[in-house]
């Protein structure tokens, strides 16, 4: 079951709630009993052979609008 992070606007506590994806947008109550919480945007981590980001592709060279000299 996925976990979702929330932050309490009253006390600043950050906490997790496990619930089905169908209920991901439901409000959550702070463990201290406060109801004014906001769901945090979290990133999904993946495991790979390298922790370095993939290099950006090289810019096209010549021809076409904005790859050449038409937009100087």
PDB file of N, CA and C in Angstrom:
ATOM      1  N   UNK A   1       0.854  -1.172   0.000  1.00  0.00           N
ATOM      2  CA  UNK A   1       0.000   0.000   0.000  1.00  0.00           C
ATOM      3  C   UNK A   1       0.901   1.237   0.000  1.00  0.00           C
ATOM      4  N   UNK A   2       0.606   2.220  -0.847  1.00  0.00           N
ATOM      5  CA  UNK A   2       1.441   3.430  -0.922  1.00  0.00           C
ATOM      6  C   UNK A   2       1.345   4.268   0.348  1.00  0.00           C
ATOM      7  N   UNK A   3       2.421   4.990   0.622  1.00  0.00           N
ATOM      8  CA  UNK A   3       2.464   5.931   1.742  1.00  0.00           C
ATOM      9  C   UNK A   3       2.490   7.347   1.180  1.00  0.00           C
ATOM     10  N   UNK A   4       1.797   8.232   1.841  1.00  0.00           N
ATOM     11  CA  UNK A   4       1.722   9.633   1.437  1.00  0.00           C
ATOM     12  C   UNK A   4       2.191  10.491   2.597  1.00  0.00           C
ATOM     13  N   UNK A   5       2.985  11.518   2.312  1.00  0.00           N
ATOM     14  CA  UNK A   5       3.473  12.417   3.351  1.00  0.00           C
ATOM     15  C   UNK A   5       2.584  13.639   3.443  1.00  0.00           C
ATOM     16  N   UNK A   6       2.355  14.067   4.666  1.00  0.00           N
ATOM     17  CA  UNK A   6       1.562  15.251   4.957  1.00  0.00           C
ATOM     18  C   UNK A   6       2.337  16.128   5.916  1.00  0.00           C
ATOM     19  N   UNK A   7       2.026  17.418   5.925  1.00  0.00           N
ATOM     20  CA  UNK A   7       2.593  18.356   6.897  1.00  0.00           C
ATOM     21  C   UNK A   7       1.435  19.087   7.550  1.00  0.00           C
ATOM     22  N   UNK A   8       1.534  19.212   8.868  1.00  0.00           N
ATOM     23  CA  UNK A   8       0.528  19.930   9.639  1.00  0.00           C
ATOM     24  C   UNK A   8       0.848  21.419   9.596  1.00  0.00           C
ATOM     25  N   UNK A   9      -0.116  22.207   9.214  1.00  0.00           N
ATOM     26  CA  UNK A   9       0.096  23.658   9.164  1.00  0.00           C
ATOM     27  C   UNK A   9       0.066  24.286  10.555  1.00  0.00           C
ATOM     28  N   UNK A  10      -0.551  23.602  11.519  1.00  0.00           N
ATOM     29  CA  UNK A  10      -0.639  24.141  12.881  1.00  0.00           C
ATOM     30  C   UNK A  10       0.649  23.972  13.662  1.00  0.00           C
ATOM     31  N   UNK A  11       1.220  22.733  13.634  1.00  0.00           N
ATOM     32  CA  UNK A  11       2.408  22.474  14.456  1.00  0.00           C
ATOM     33  C   UNK A  11       3.675  22.210  13.638  1.00  0.00           C
ATOM     34  N   UNK A  12       3.550  22.063  12.314  1.00  0.00           N
ATOM     35  CA  UNK A  12       4.709  21.853  11.460  1.00  0.00           C
ATOM     36  C   UNK A  12       5.190  20.414  11.378  1.00  0.00           C
ATOM     37  N   UNK A  13       4.516  19.487  12.057  1.00  0.00           N
ATOM     38  CA  UNK A  13       4.910  18.082  12.039  1.00  0.00           C
ATOM     39  C   UNK A  13       4.710  17.500  10.641  1.00  0.00           C
ATOM     40  N   UNK A  14       5.649  16.651  10.211  1.00  0.00           N
ATOM     41  CA  UNK A  14       5.533  15.935   8.945  1.00  0.00           C
ATOM     42  C   UNK A  14       5.303  14.466   9.287  1.00  0.00           C
ATOM     43  N   UNK A  15       4.324  13.840   8.639  1.00  0.00           N
ATOM     44  CA  UNK A  15       3.976  12.463   8.948  1.00  0.00           C
ATOM     45  C   UNK A  15       3.525  11.734   7.697  1.00  0.00           C
ATOM     46  N   UNK A  16       3.530  10.401   7.768  1.00  0.00           N
ATOM     47  CA  UNK A  16       3.126   9.559   6.645  1.00  0.00           C
ATOM     48  C   UNK A  16       1.813   8.866   6.953  1.00  0.00           C
ATOM     49  N   UNK A  17       1.034   8.648   5.896  1.00  0.00           N
ATOM     50  CA  UNK A  17      -0.213   7.902   5.998  1.00  0.00           C
ATOM     51  C   UNK A  17      -0.203   6.852   4.889  1.00  0.00           C
ATOM     52  N   UNK A  18      -0.432   5.596   5.248  1.00  0.00           N
ATOM     53  CA  UNK A  18      -0.555   4.524   4.255  1.00  0.00           C
ATOM     54  C   UNK A  18      -2.027   4.327   3.947  1.00  0.00           C
ATOM     55  N   UNK A  19      -2.351   4.376   2.649  1.00  0.00           N
ATOM     56  CA  UNK A  19      -3.739   4.199   2.232  1.00  0.00           C
ATOM     57  C   UNK A  19      -3.769   3.809   0.767  1.00  0.00           C
ATOM     58  N   UNK A  20      -4.880   3.256   0.298  1.00  0.00           N
ATOM     59  CA  UNK A  20      -4.986   2.888  -1.125  1.00  0.00           C
ATOM     60  C   UNK A  20      -4.888   4.126  -2.024  1.00  0.00           C
ATOM     61  N   UNK A  21      -4.429   3.934  -3.251  1.00  0.00           N
ATOM     62  CA  UNK A  21      -4.305   5.044  -4.200  1.00  0.00           C
ATOM     63  C   UNK A  21      -5.641   5.735  -4.438  1.00  0.00           C
ATOM     64  N   UNK A  22      -6.721   4.996  -4.378  1.00  0.00           N
ATOM     65  CA  UNK A  22      -8.050   5.576  -4.592  1.00  0.00           C
ATOM     66  C   UNK A  22      -8.392   6.616  -3.527  1.00  0.00           C
ATOM     67  N   UNK A  23      -7.716   6.570  -2.385  1.00  0.00           N
ATOM     68  CA  UNK A  23      -7.971   7.521  -1.298  1.00  0.00           C
ATOM     69  C   UNK A  23      -6.800   8.485  -1.097  1.00  0.00           C
ATOM     70  N   UNK A  24      -5.914   8.603  -2.106  1.00  0.00           N
ATOM     71  CA  UNK A  24      -4.713   9.435  -1.958  1.00  0.00           C
ATOM     72  C   UNK A  24      -5.028  10.905  -1.698  1.00  0.00           C
ATOM     73  N   UNK A  25      -6.138  11.405  -2.184  1.00  0.00           N
ATOM     74  CA  UNK A  25      -6.487  12.810  -2.017  1.00  0.00           C
ATOM     75  C   UNK A  25      -7.309  13.111  -0.779  1.00  0.00           C
ATOM     76  N   UNK A  26      -7.649  12.079  -0.002  1.00  0.00           N
ATOM     77  CA  UNK A  26      -8.429  12.298   1.216  1.00  0.00           C
ATOM     78  C   UNK A  26      -7.627  13.119   2.219  1.00  0.00           C
ATOM     79  N   UNK A  27      -8.293  13.944   3.023  1.00  0.00           N
ATOM     80  CA  UNK A  27      -7.580  14.709   4.043  1.00  0.00           C
ATOM     81  C   UNK A  27      -7.013  13.776   5.121  1.00  0.00           C
ATOM     82  N   UNK A  28      -5.980  14.226   5.804  1.00  0.00           N
ATOM     83  CA  UNK A  28      -5.362  13.449   6.882  1.00  0.00           C
ATOM     84  C   UNK A  28      -5.279  14.308   8.132  1.00  0.00           C
ATOM     85  N   UNK A  29      -5.447  13.678   9.275  1.00  0.00           N
ATOM     86  CA  UNK A  29      -5.340  14.391  10.541  1.00  0.00           C
ATOM     87  C   UNK A  29      -3.939  14.214  11.106  1.00  0.00           C
ATOM     88  N   UNK A  30      -3.378  15.281  11.610  1.00  0.00           N
ATOM     89  CA  UNK A  30      -2.069  15.280  12.255  1.00  0.00           C
ATOM     90  C   UNK A  30      -2.103  14.326  13.457  1.00  0.00           C
ATOM     91  N   UNK A  31      -0.998  13.631  13.750  1.00  0.00           N
ATOM     92  CA  UNK A  31      -0.956  12.770  14.930  1.00  0.00           C
ATOM     93  C   UNK A  31      -1.266  13.520  16.231  1.00  0.00           C
ATOM     94  N   UNK A  32      -1.053  14.838  16.246  1.00  0.00           N
ATOM     95  CA  UNK A  32      -1.366  15.647  17.430  1.00  0.00           C
ATOM     96  C   UNK A  32      -2.833  16.071  17.461  1.00  0.00           C
ATOM     97  N   UNK A  33      -3.604  15.661  16.438  1.00  0.00           N
ATOM     98  CA  UNK A  33      -5.035  15.955  16.426  1.00  0.00           C
ATOM     99  C   UNK A  33      -5.445  17.170  15.620  1.00  0.00           C
ATOM    100  N   UNK A  34      -4.498  17.849  14.976  1.00  0.00           N
ATOM    101  CA  UNK A  34      -4.836  19.016  14.156  1.00  0.00           C
ATOM    102  C   UNK A  34      -5.388  18.555  12.808  1.00  0.00           C
ATOM    103  N   UNK A  35      -6.326  19.291  12.277  1.00  0.00           N
ATOM    104  CA  UNK A  35      -6.932  18.922  11.010  1.00  0.00           C
ATOM    105  C   UNK A  35      -6.429  19.713   9.813  1.00  0.00           C
ATOM    106  N   UNK A  36      -5.670  20.773  10.043  1.00  0.00           N
ATOM    107  CA  UNK A  36      -5.196  21.625   8.952  1.00  0.00           C
ATOM    108  C   UNK A  36      -3.871  21.075   8.415  1.00  0.00           C
ATOM    109  N   UNK A  37      -3.969  20.109   7.491  1.00  0.00           N
ATOM    110  CA  UNK A  37      -2.778  19.473   6.933  1.00  0.00           C
ATOM    111  C   UNK A  37      -2.761  19.629   5.421  1.00  0.00           C
ATOM    112  N   UNK A  38      -1.579  19.465   4.851  1.00  0.00           N
ATOM    113  CA  UNK A  38      -1.406  19.558   3.414  1.00  0.00           C
ATOM    114  C   UNK A  38      -0.591  18.350   2.953  1.00  0.00           C
ATOM    115  N   UNK A  39      -0.998  17.757   1.845  1.00  0.00           N
ATOM    116  CA  UNK A  39      -0.271  16.622   1.279  1.00  0.00           C
ATOM    117  C   UNK A  39       0.977  17.148   0.580  1.00  0.00           C
ATOM    118  N   UNK A  40       2.126  16.499   0.828  1.00  0.00           N
ATOM    119  CA  UNK A  40       3.388  16.930   0.248  1.00  0.00           C
ATOM    120  C   UNK A  40       3.644  16.198  -1.061  1.00  0.00           C
ATOM    121  N   UNK A  41       4.299  16.871  -1.958  1.00  0.00           N
ATOM    122  CA  UNK A  41       4.717  16.263  -3.207  1.00  0.00           C
ATOM    123  C   UNK A  41       6.025  15.539  -2.935  1.00  0.00           C
ATOM    124  N   UNK A  42       6.047  14.245  -3.179  1.00  0.00           N
ATOM    125  CA  UNK A  42       7.251  13.464  -2.935  1.00  0.00           C
ATOM    126  C   UNK A  42       7.740  12.876  -4.246  1.00  0.00           C
ATOM    127  N   UNK A  43       9.006  12.508  -4.259  1.00  0.00           N
ATOM    128  CA  UNK A  43       9.578  11.899  -5.455  1.00  0.00           C
ATOM    129  C   UNK A  43       9.653  10.400  -5.266  1.00  0.00           C
ATOM    130  N   UNK A  44       9.597   9.698  -6.369  1.00  0.00           N
ATOM    131  CA  UNK A  44       9.679   8.250  -6.345  1.00  0.00           C
ATOM    132  C   UNK A  44      11.106   7.866  -6.668  1.00  0.00           C
ATOM    133  N   UNK A  45      11.757   7.162  -5.781  1.00  0.00           N
ATOM    134  CA  UNK A  45      13.144   6.765  -6.000  1.00  0.00           C
ATOM    135  C   UNK A  45      13.230   5.458  -6.757  1.00  0.00           C
ATOM    136  N   UNK A  46      14.226   5.343  -7.604  1.00  0.00           N
ATOM    137  CA  UNK A  46      14.468   4.099  -8.321  1.00  0.00           C
ATOM    138  C   UNK A  46      15.898   3.654  -8.053  1.00  0.00           C
ATOM    139  N   UNK A  47      16.128   2.382  -8.204  1.00  0.00           N
ATOM    140  CA  UNK A  47      17.452   1.829  -8.012  1.00  0.00           C
ATOM    141  C   UNK A  47      18.033   1.530  -9.370  1.00  0.00           C
ATOM    142  N   UNK A  48      19.249   2.022  -9.612  1.00  0.00           N
ATOM    143  CA  UNK A  48      19.886   1.806 -10.903  1.00  0.00           C
ATOM    144  C   UNK A  48      21.364   1.540 -10.729  1.00  0.00           C
ATOM    145  N   UNK A  49      22.049   1.394 -11.844  1.00  0.00           N
ATOM    146  CA  UNK A  49      23.475   1.110 -11.812  1.00  0.00           C
ATOM    147  C   UNK A  49      24.288   2.339 -11.419  1.00  0.00           C
ATOM    148  N   UNK A  50      23.754   3.516 -11.609  1.00  0.00           N
ATOM    149  CA  UNK A  50      24.486   4.742 -11.325  1.00  0.00           C
ATOM    150  C   UNK A  50      23.581   5.720 -10.614  1.00  0.00           C
ATOM    151  N   UNK A  51      24.150   6.491  -9.715  1.00  0.00           N
ATOM    152  CA  UNK A  51      23.351   7.506  -9.040  1.00  0.00           C
ATOM    153  C   UNK A  51      23.494   8.862  -9.714  1.00  0.00           C
ATOM    154  N   UNK A  52      24.358   8.956 -10.728  1.00  0.00           N
ATOM    155  CA  UNK A  52      24.549  10.217 -11.446  1.00  0.00           C
ATOM    156  C   UNK A  52      23.421  10.412 -12.448  1.00  0.00           C
ATOM    157  N   UNK A  53      22.963  11.649 -12.633  1.00  0.00           N
ATOM    158  CA  UNK A  53      21.911  11.902 -13.616  1.00  0.00           C
ATOM    159  C   UNK A  53      22.422  11.655 -15.031  1.00  0.00           C
ATOM    160  N   UNK A  54      21.497  11.318 -15.914  1.00  0.00           N
ATOM    161  CA  UNK A  54      21.848  11.087 -17.315  1.00  0.00           C
ATOM    162  C   UNK A  54      22.291  12.401 -17.949  1.00  0.00           C
ATOM    163  N   UNK A  55      23.291  12.359 -18.832  1.00  0.00           N
ATOM    164  CA  UNK A  55      23.753  13.595 -19.470  1.00  0.00           C
ATOM    165  C   UNK A  55      22.689  14.140 -20.419  1.00  0.00           C
ATOM    166  N   UNK A  56      22.686  15.451 -20.571  1.00  0.00           N
ATOM    167  CA  UNK A  56      21.762  16.099 -21.486  1.00  0.00           C
ATOM    168  C   UNK A  56      22.246  15.871 -22.915  1.00  0.00           C
ATOM    169  N   UNK A  57      21.318  15.640 -23.860  1.00  0.00           N
ATOM    170  CA  UNK A  57      21.750  15.470 -25.244  1.00  0.00           C
ATOM    171  C   UNK A  57      22.312  16.778 -25.794  1.00  0.00           C
ATOM    172  N   UNK A  58      23.225  16.647 -26.753  1.00  0.00           N
ATOM    173  CA  UNK A  58      23.837  17.825 -27.367  1.00  0.00           C
ATOM    174  C   UNK A  58      22.799  18.566 -28.202  1.00  0.00           C
ATOM    175  N   UNK A  59      22.933  19.891 -28.267  1.00  0.00           N
ATOM    176  CA  UNK A  59      22.024  20.705 -29.065  1.00  0.00           C
ATOM    177  C   UNK A  59      22.270  20.426 -30.555  1.00  0.00           C
ATOM    178  N   UNK A  60      21.215  20.450 -31.354  1.00  0.00           N
ATOM    179  CA  UNK A  60      21.413  20.223 -32.784  1.00  0.00           C
ATOM    180  C   UNK A  60      22.288  21.324 -33.367  1.00  0.00           C
ATOM    181  N   UNK A  61      23.053  20.964 -34.368  1.00  0.00           N
ATOM    182  CA  UNK A  61      23.934  21.965 -34.959  1.00  0.00           C
ATOM    183  C   UNK A  61      23.504  22.282 -36.390  1.00  0.00           C
ATOM    184  N   UNK A  62      23.222  23.541 -36.618  1.00  0.00           N
ATOM    185  CA  UNK A  62      22.908  24.027 -37.950  1.00  0.00           C
ATOM    186  C   UNK A  62      21.500  23.725 -38.404  1.00  0.00           C
ATOM    187  N   UNK A  63      20.979  24.593 -39.250  1.00  0.00           N
ATOM    188  CA  UNK A  63      19.683  24.399 -39.893  1.00  0.00           C
ATOM    189  C   UNK A  63      18.513  24.521 -38.946  1.00  0.00           C
ATOM    190  N   UNK A  64      17.375  24.861 -39.482  1.00  0.00           N
ATOM    191  CA  UNK A  64      16.141  24.908 -38.697  1.00  0.00           C
ATOM    192  C   UNK A  64      16.113  26.064 -37.736  1.00  0.00           C
ATOM    193  N   UNK A  65      14.944  26.536 -37.435  1.00  0.00           N
ATOM    194  CA  UNK A  65      14.823  27.624 -36.478  1.00  0.00           C
ATOM    195  C   UNK A  65      15.033  27.074 -35.101  1.00  0.00           C
ATOM    196  N   UNK A  66      15.622  27.465 -34.404  1.00  0.00           N
ATOM    197  CA  UNK A  66      16.581  27.983 -33.528  1.00  0.00           C
ATOM    198  C   UNK A  66      17.815  27.105 -33.394  1.00  0.00           C
ATOM    199  N   UNK A  67      18.042  26.184 -34.348  1.00  0.00           N
ATOM    200  CA  UNK A  67      19.252  25.392 -34.314  1.00  0.00           C
ATOM    201  C   UNK A  67      20.359  26.029 -35.115  1.00  0.00           C
ATOM    202  N   UNK A  68      20.029  27.021 -35.939  1.00  0.00           N
ATOM    203  CA  UNK A  68      21.029  27.659 -36.779  1.00  0.00           C
ATOM    204  C   UNK A  68      21.113  29.137 -36.512  1.00  0.00           C
ATOM    205  N   UNK A  69      21.249  29.898 -37.563  1.00  0.00           N
ATOM    206  CA  UNK A  69      21.464  31.328 -37.414  1.00  0.00           C
ATOM    207  C   UNK A  69      20.223  32.165 -37.664  1.00  0.00           C
ATOM    208  N   UNK A  70      19.029  31.565 -37.733  1.00  0.00           N
ATOM    209  CA  UNK A  70      17.846  32.343 -38.086  1.00  0.00           C
ATOM    210  C   UNK A  70      17.333  33.201 -36.949  1.00  0.00           C
ATOM    211  N   UNK A  71      17.722  32.965 -35.728  1.00  0.00           N
ATOM    212  CA  UNK A  71      17.141  33.682 -34.589  1.00  0.00           C
ATOM    213  C   UNK A  71      18.159  34.564 -33.899  1.00  0.00           C
ATOM    214  N   UNK A  72      19.095  35.092 -34.575  1.00  0.00           N
ATOM    215  CA  UNK A  72      20.118  35.916 -33.923  1.00  0.00           C
ATOM    216  C   UNK A  72      19.637  37.289 -33.655  1.00  0.00           C
TER     217      UNK A  72
END
